[in-house]
Amino acid sequence: MAAAGCSPRRLLRVGQLADCLEDGRAKGLLVIGDALETARILMDLNFGTAPLKTGHGAEWPGGKDRTAFVRSCIRLIVNGIRAG
């Protein structure tokens, strides 16, 4: 995403993510379908079920380092599951 000119710290809404994805597609950096639908999918995958019920209230996976957890989720989505 940074290569597409988007800062992860500045993406707050689905529409902003869609704009970033569209920019990346226009620059030939991304191969995606509809940018808004792709943004919704990414947001759902990362944040839709993130708070877990552990018996101690809602908690985010990854503990206090939420940023690292979200980055690892995005890395998995971008790279997929593939052999070396």
N, C-alpha and C. Protein backbone atom coordinates (compact mmCIF):
# COMPACT_ATOMS: atom_id res chain seq x y z
N MET A 1 0.82 -1.19 0.00
CA MET A 1 0.00 0.00 0.00
C MET A 1 0.87 1.25 0.00
N ALA A 2 1.97 1.22 0.71
CA ALA A 2 2.83 2.40 0.72
C ALA A 2 3.33 2.70 -0.69
N ALA A 3 3.60 1.65 -1.46
CA ALA A 3 4.04 1.86 -2.84
C ALA A 3 2.97 2.54 -3.67
N ALA A 4 1.73 2.35 -3.28
CA ALA A 4 0.62 2.99 -3.99
C ALA A 4 0.42 4.42 -3.53
N GLY A 5 1.25 4.89 -2.60
CA GLY A 5 1.15 6.26 -2.13
C GLY A 5 0.18 6.44 -0.98
N CYS A 6 -0.16 5.36 -0.29
CA CYS A 6 -1.11 5.43 0.82
C CYS A 6 -0.42 5.08 2.11
N SER A 7 -0.70 5.85 3.13
CA SER A 7 -0.13 5.59 4.44
C SER A 7 -1.13 4.83 5.29
N PRO A 8 -0.75 3.66 5.85
CA PRO A 8 -1.67 2.91 6.70
C PRO A 8 -2.18 3.74 7.88
N ARG A 9 -1.42 4.68 8.34
CA ARG A 9 -1.84 5.51 9.47
C ARG A 9 -2.94 6.50 9.07
N ARG A 10 -3.14 6.72 7.79
CA ARG A 10 -4.12 7.71 7.34
C ARG A 10 -5.41 7.08 6.85
N LEU A 11 -5.45 5.77 6.73
CA LEU A 11 -6.65 5.11 6.23
C LEU A 11 -7.63 4.90 7.38
N LEU A 12 -8.73 5.62 7.36
CA LEU A 12 -9.69 5.55 8.44
C LEU A 12 -11.02 4.97 8.02
N ARG A 13 -11.37 5.09 6.76
CA ARG A 13 -12.68 4.67 6.28
C ARG A 13 -12.56 3.78 5.06
N VAL A 14 -13.62 3.03 4.81
CA VAL A 14 -13.64 2.14 3.65
C VAL A 14 -13.43 2.93 2.36
N GLY A 15 -14.06 4.09 2.26
CA GLY A 15 -13.92 4.91 1.06
C GLY A 15 -12.49 5.35 0.82
N GLN A 16 -11.78 5.67 1.90
CA GLN A 16 -10.38 6.06 1.75
C GLN A 16 -9.53 4.89 1.29
N LEU A 17 -9.80 3.71 1.84
CA LEU A 17 -9.08 2.52 1.41
C LEU A 17 -9.38 2.21 -0.06
N ALA A 18 -10.65 2.36 -0.46
CA ALA A 18 -11.03 2.13 -1.85
C ALA A 18 -10.28 3.09 -2.79
N ASP A 19 -10.17 4.35 -2.39
CA ASP A 19 -9.42 5.32 -3.20
C ASP A 19 -7.96 4.89 -3.33
N CYS A 20 -7.38 4.43 -2.24
CA CYS A 20 -5.99 3.98 -2.26
C CYS A 20 -5.83 2.76 -3.17
N LEU A 21 -6.76 1.82 -3.07
CA LEU A 21 -6.71 0.64 -3.93
C LEU A 21 -6.86 1.02 -5.40
N GLU A 22 -7.74 1.95 -5.68
CA GLU A 22 -7.92 2.42 -7.06
C GLU A 22 -6.65 3.08 -7.58
N ASP A 23 -5.99 3.87 -6.75
CA ASP A 23 -4.71 4.48 -7.14
C ASP A 23 -3.68 3.40 -7.47
N GLY A 24 -3.62 2.38 -6.62
CA GLY A 24 -2.67 1.28 -6.87
C GLY A 24 -2.97 0.54 -8.15
N ARG A 25 -4.26 0.36 -8.44
CA ARG A 25 -4.63 -0.30 -9.70
C ARG A 25 -4.25 0.57 -10.89
N ALA A 26 -4.52 1.87 -10.80
CA ALA A 26 -4.19 2.79 -11.90
C ALA A 26 -2.69 2.83 -12.18
N LYS A 27 -1.88 2.64 -11.14
CA LYS A 27 -0.42 2.64 -11.30
C LYS A 27 0.12 1.27 -11.71
N GLY A 28 -0.77 0.28 -11.84
CA GLY A 28 -0.34 -1.05 -12.23
C GLY A 28 0.26 -1.87 -11.09
N LEU A 29 0.04 -1.43 -9.86
CA LEU A 29 0.61 -2.12 -8.71
C LEU A 29 -0.32 -3.19 -8.14
N LEU A 30 -1.61 -3.09 -8.45
CA LEU A 30 -2.59 -4.02 -7.91
C LEU A 30 -3.47 -4.57 -9.01
N VAL A 31 -3.86 -5.81 -8.87
CA VAL A 31 -4.83 -6.43 -9.75
C VAL A 31 -6.01 -6.79 -8.87
N ILE A 32 -7.07 -6.00 -8.94
CA ILE A 32 -8.24 -6.19 -8.09
C ILE A 32 -9.50 -5.99 -8.93
N GLY A 33 -10.62 -6.43 -8.38
CA GLY A 33 -11.91 -6.15 -9.01
C GLY A 33 -12.34 -4.75 -8.60
N ASP A 34 -13.58 -4.63 -8.21
CA ASP A 34 -14.13 -3.35 -7.76
C ASP A 34 -13.39 -2.87 -6.52
N ALA A 35 -12.87 -1.66 -6.55
CA ALA A 35 -12.06 -1.13 -5.46
C ALA A 35 -12.85 -1.01 -4.16
N LEU A 36 -14.09 -0.56 -4.24
CA LEU A 36 -14.89 -0.40 -3.02
C LEU A 36 -15.22 -1.76 -2.41
N GLU A 37 -15.58 -2.72 -3.23
CA GLU A 37 -15.87 -4.07 -2.72
C GLU A 37 -14.62 -4.70 -2.11
N THR A 38 -13.48 -4.51 -2.77
CA THR A 38 -12.22 -5.03 -2.23
C THR A 38 -11.90 -4.38 -0.89
N ALA A 39 -12.13 -3.08 -0.78
CA ALA A 39 -11.89 -2.37 0.48
C ALA A 39 -12.79 -2.92 1.58
N ARG A 40 -14.05 -3.16 1.26
CA ARG A 40 -14.99 -3.72 2.26
C ARG A 40 -14.52 -5.10 2.72
N ILE A 41 -14.09 -5.91 1.80
CA ILE A 41 -13.60 -7.25 2.14
C ILE A 41 -12.40 -7.16 3.06
N LEU A 42 -11.45 -6.31 2.69
CA LEU A 42 -10.25 -6.15 3.52
C LEU A 42 -10.59 -5.65 4.92
N MET A 43 -11.49 -4.68 5.00
CA MET A 43 -11.88 -4.15 6.31
C MET A 43 -12.59 -5.23 7.14
N ASP A 44 -13.47 -5.99 6.50
CA ASP A 44 -14.16 -7.06 7.21
C ASP A 44 -13.19 -8.12 7.70
N LEU A 45 -12.24 -8.49 6.84
CA LEU A 45 -11.27 -9.50 7.23
C LEU A 45 -10.41 -9.03 8.40
N ASN A 46 -10.08 -7.76 8.41
CA ASN A 46 -9.20 -7.25 9.46
C ASN A 46 -9.93 -6.83 10.73
N PHE A 47 -11.11 -6.26 10.58
CA PHE A 47 -11.76 -5.67 11.75
C PHE A 47 -13.12 -6.25 12.08
N GLY A 48 -13.72 -7.00 11.17
CA GLY A 48 -15.08 -7.49 11.38
C GLY A 48 -15.25 -8.38 12.59
N THR A 49 -14.32 -9.26 12.82
CA THR A 49 -14.42 -10.17 13.95
C THR A 49 -13.23 -10.05 14.88
N ALA A 50 -12.53 -8.94 14.82
CA ALA A 50 -11.31 -8.79 15.60
C ALA A 50 -11.50 -8.84 17.10
N PRO A 51 -12.46 -8.12 17.69
CA PRO A 51 -12.59 -8.22 19.14
C PRO A 51 -13.06 -9.62 19.54
N LEU A 52 -12.32 -10.23 20.42
CA LEU A 52 -12.66 -11.58 20.86
C LEU A 52 -13.33 -11.54 22.22
N LYS A 53 -14.22 -12.46 22.43
CA LYS A 53 -14.84 -12.59 23.74
C LYS A 53 -14.05 -13.64 24.52
N THR A 54 -13.34 -13.20 25.53
CA THR A 54 -12.49 -14.10 26.30
C THR A 54 -13.02 -14.33 27.71
N GLY A 55 -14.14 -13.73 28.01
CA GLY A 55 -14.65 -13.81 29.36
C GLY A 55 -14.23 -12.61 30.19
N HIS A 56 -13.34 -11.81 29.63
CA HIS A 56 -12.85 -10.60 30.30
C HIS A 56 -13.22 -9.36 29.50
N GLY A 57 -14.28 -9.44 28.72
CA GLY A 57 -14.65 -8.33 27.86
C GLY A 57 -14.02 -8.51 26.49
N ALA A 58 -14.31 -7.59 25.62
CA ALA A 58 -13.76 -7.66 24.26
C ALA A 58 -12.28 -7.35 24.29
N GLU A 59 -11.50 -8.17 23.64
CA GLU A 59 -10.05 -7.96 23.54
C GLU A 59 -9.63 -8.14 22.10
N TRP A 60 -8.63 -7.38 21.69
CA TRP A 60 -8.10 -7.52 20.34
C TRP A 60 -7.05 -8.60 20.33
N PRO A 61 -7.02 -9.41 19.27
CA PRO A 61 -5.91 -10.35 19.14
C PRO A 61 -4.61 -9.58 18.99
N GLY A 62 -3.54 -10.18 19.40
CA GLY A 62 -2.25 -9.50 19.29
C GLY A 62 -1.92 -8.70 20.52
N GLY A 63 -2.80 -8.70 21.50
CA GLY A 63 -2.53 -7.97 22.73
C GLY A 63 -2.42 -6.48 22.51
N LYS A 64 -1.45 -5.89 23.17
CA LYS A 64 -1.31 -4.43 23.11
C LYS A 64 -0.76 -3.96 21.77
N ASP A 65 -0.11 -4.84 21.02
CA ASP A 65 0.47 -4.43 19.75
C ASP A 65 -0.51 -4.68 18.61
N ARG A 66 -1.60 -3.95 18.62
CA ARG A 66 -2.66 -4.08 17.61
C ARG A 66 -2.14 -3.79 16.21
N THR A 67 -1.25 -2.80 16.11
CA THR A 67 -0.72 -2.43 14.79
C THR A 67 0.02 -3.60 14.16
N ALA A 68 0.85 -4.28 14.92
CA ALA A 68 1.59 -5.43 14.38
C ALA A 68 0.63 -6.54 13.96
N PHE A 69 -0.42 -6.75 14.73
CA PHE A 69 -1.40 -7.77 14.39
C PHE A 69 -2.10 -7.44 13.07
N VAL A 70 -2.56 -6.21 12.93
CA VAL A 70 -3.26 -5.80 11.71
C VAL A 70 -2.31 -5.89 10.51
N ARG A 71 -1.06 -5.49 10.69
CA ARG A 71 -0.09 -5.61 9.59
C ARG A 71 0.11 -7.06 9.19
N SER A 72 0.16 -7.97 10.17
CA SER A 72 0.33 -9.38 9.82
C SER A 72 -0.90 -9.91 9.09
N CYS A 73 -2.09 -9.43 9.45
CA CYS A 73 -3.31 -9.81 8.73
C CYS A 73 -3.25 -9.33 7.28
N ILE A 74 -2.87 -8.09 7.09
CA ILE A 74 -2.78 -7.53 5.74
C ILE A 74 -1.72 -8.26 4.94
N ARG A 75 -0.59 -8.57 5.56
CA ARG A 75 0.48 -9.30 4.87
C ARG A 75 -0.04 -10.66 4.41
N LEU A 76 -0.81 -11.33 5.25
CA LEU A 76 -1.36 -12.64 4.87
C LEU A 76 -2.33 -12.48 3.70
N ILE A 77 -3.16 -11.47 3.73
CA ILE A 77 -4.12 -11.24 2.65
C ILE A 77 -3.38 -10.94 1.34
N VAL A 78 -2.38 -10.08 1.41
CA VAL A 78 -1.65 -9.68 0.20
C VAL A 78 -0.82 -10.83 -0.37
N ASN A 79 -0.12 -11.54 0.49
CA ASN A 79 0.76 -12.60 0.02
C ASN A 79 0.07 -13.94 -0.13
N GLY A 80 -1.05 -14.11 0.54
CA GLY A 80 -1.75 -15.39 0.48
C GLY A 80 -0.97 -16.45 1.24
N ILE A 81 -1.41 -17.64 1.09
CA ILE A 81 -0.73 -18.77 1.71
C ILE A 81 -0.09 -19.54 0.58
N ARG A 82 1.22 -19.46 0.53
CA ARG A 82 1.93 -20.12 -0.56
C ARG A 82 3.24 -20.69 -0.05
N ALA A 83 3.74 -21.65 -0.76
CA ALA A 83 5.04 -22.25 -0.40
C ALA A 83 6.15 -21.31 -0.83
N GLY A 84 7.16 -21.17 0.05
CA GLY A 84 8.35 -20.38 -0.14
C GLY A 84 8.52 -19.73 -1.41
